[in-house]
Amino acid sequence: MSTDPTDARLTALEIKASFMEDTLDRLNEVVVRQQRQIELLTRELLALREQQGSDAATPRSLRDELPP
């Protein structure tokens, strides 16, 4: 079994391609997880803005704003 330089190069390239595919899959998982977090935070921010907007519609007493 002789080690042909072409075979060795091909094997090295296959190994690199395998590692790159694994890395790409892991990075894709990170991107998907981050996108879900962004969507969740966006929904929470919109809910807070709506809540703040509804709070502004109700009259407030200045006594509620004064520190104790």
C-alpha atoms as a PDB file:
ATOM      1  CA  MET A   1       0.000   0.000   0.000  1.00  0.00           C
ATOM      2  CA  SER A   2       1.941   2.992  -1.266  1.00  0.00           C
ATOM      3  CA  THR A   3       1.067   6.494  -0.218  1.00  0.00           C
ATOM      4  CA  ASP A   4       0.523   8.407  -3.388  1.00  0.00           C
ATOM      5  CA  PRO A   5       0.889  12.187  -2.832  1.00  0.00           C
ATOM      6  CA  THR A   6      -2.367  12.744  -4.697  1.00  0.00           C
ATOM      7  CA  ASP A   7      -4.199  10.312  -2.415  1.00  0.00           C
ATOM      8  CA  ALA A   8      -2.727  11.993   0.665  1.00  0.00           C
ATOM      9  CA  ARG A   9      -3.798  15.431  -0.588  1.00  0.00           C
ATOM     10  CA  LEU A  10      -7.266  14.147  -1.407  1.00  0.00           C
ATOM     11  CA  THR A  11      -7.605  12.602   2.049  1.00  0.00           C
ATOM     12  CA  ALA A  12      -6.472  15.843   3.689  1.00  0.00           C
ATOM     13  CA  LEU A  13      -9.005  17.808   1.649  1.00  0.00           C
ATOM     14  CA  GLU A  14     -11.780  15.385   2.592  1.00  0.00           C
ATOM     15  CA  ILE A  15     -10.891  15.764   6.274  1.00  0.00           C
ATOM     16  CA  LYS A  16     -10.887  19.559   5.993  1.00  0.00           C
ATOM     17  CA  ALA A  17     -14.224  19.500   4.163  1.00  0.00           C
ATOM     18  CA  SER A  18     -15.690  17.311   6.883  1.00  0.00           C
ATOM     19  CA  PHE A  19     -14.529  19.669   9.635  1.00  0.00           C
ATOM     20  CA  MET A  20     -15.811  22.684   7.701  1.00  0.00           C
ATOM     21  CA  GLU A  21     -19.210  21.046   7.228  1.00  0.00           C
ATOM     22  CA  ASP A  22     -19.423  20.330  10.959  1.00  0.00           C
ATOM     23  CA  THR A  23     -18.430  23.909  11.788  1.00  0.00           C
ATOM     24  CA  LEU A  24     -20.985  25.263   9.340  1.00  0.00           C
ATOM     25  CA  ASP A  25     -23.725  23.148  10.932  1.00  0.00           C
ATOM     26  CA  ARG A  26     -22.817  24.421  14.406  1.00  0.00           C
ATOM     27  CA  LEU A  27     -22.723  28.024  13.216  1.00  0.00           C
ATOM     28  CA  ASN A  28     -26.113  27.561  11.580  1.00  0.00           C
ATOM     29  CA  GLU A  29     -27.524  26.327  14.893  1.00  0.00           C
ATOM     30  CA  VAL A  30     -26.145  29.435  16.612  1.00  0.00           C
ATOM     31  CA  VAL A  31     -27.709  31.713  14.001  1.00  0.00           C
ATOM     32  CA  VAL A  32     -31.085  29.986  14.353  1.00  0.00           C
ATOM     33  CA  ARG A  33     -30.950  30.288  18.152  1.00  0.00           C
ATOM     34  CA  GLN A  34     -29.980  33.960  17.938  1.00  0.00           C
ATOM     35  CA  GLN A  35     -32.805  34.659  15.488  1.00  0.00           C
ATOM     36  CA  ARG A  36     -35.290  33.099  17.904  1.00  0.00           C
ATOM     37  CA  GLN A  37     -33.914  35.265  20.716  1.00  0.00           C
ATOM     38  CA  ILE A  38     -34.173  38.375  18.539  1.00  0.00           C
ATOM     39  CA  GLU A  39     -37.779  37.566  17.675  1.00  0.00           C
ATOM     40  CA  LEU A  40     -38.628  36.985  21.345  1.00  0.00           C
ATOM     41  CA  LEU A  41     -36.974  40.242  22.410  1.00  0.00           C
ATOM     42  CA  THR A  42     -38.758  42.119  19.632  1.00  0.00           C
ATOM     43  CA  ARG A  43     -42.126  40.785  20.794  1.00  0.00           C
ATOM     44  CA  GLU A  44     -41.315  41.709  24.405  1.00  0.00           C
ATOM     45  CA  LEU A  45     -40.237  45.208  23.361  1.00  0.00           C
ATOM     46  CA  LEU A  46     -43.460  45.724  21.408  1.00  0.00           C
ATOM     47  CA  ALA A  47     -45.499  44.515  24.391  1.00  0.00           C
ATOM     48  CA  LEU A  48     -43.666  46.932  26.681  1.00  0.00           C
ATOM     49  CA  ARG A  49     -44.249  49.803  24.261  1.00  0.00           C
ATOM     50  CA  GLU A  50     -47.944  48.946  24.073  1.00  0.00           C
ATOM     51  CA  GLN A  51     -48.126  48.749  27.869  1.00  0.00           C
ATOM     52  CA  GLN A  52     -46.337  52.075  28.191  1.00  0.00           C
ATOM     53  CA  GLY A  53     -48.664  53.613  25.629  1.00  0.00           C
ATOM     54  CA  SER A  54     -51.740  52.416  27.511  1.00  0.00           C
ATOM     55  CA  ASP A  55     -50.285  53.725  30.784  1.00  0.00           C
ATOM     56  CA  ALA A  56     -49.877  57.161  29.209  1.00  0.00           C
ATOM     57  CA  ALA A  57     -53.572  57.214  28.260  1.00  0.00           C
ATOM     58  CA  THR A  58     -54.661  56.914  31.903  1.00  0.00           C
ATOM     59  CA  PRO A  59     -54.462  60.143  33.937  1.00  0.00           C
ATOM     60  CA  ARG A  60     -51.814  60.077  36.642  1.00  0.00           C
ATOM     61  CA  SER A  61     -51.521  62.113  39.751  1.00  0.00           C
ATOM     62  CA  LEU A  62     -48.373  64.126  40.294  1.00  0.00           C
ATOM     63  CA  ARG A  63     -48.285  62.740  43.858  1.00  0.00           C
ATOM     64  CA  ASP A  64     -47.529  59.338  42.324  1.00  0.00           C
ATOM     65  CA  GLU A  65     -44.390  60.852  40.761  1.00  0.00           C
ATOM     66  CA  LEU A  66     -43.008  62.431  43.961  1.00  0.00           C
ATOM     67  CA  PRO A  67     -40.408  60.521  45.919  1.00  0.00           C
ATOM     68  CA  PRO A  68     -41.400  59.507  49.456  1.00  0.00           C
END
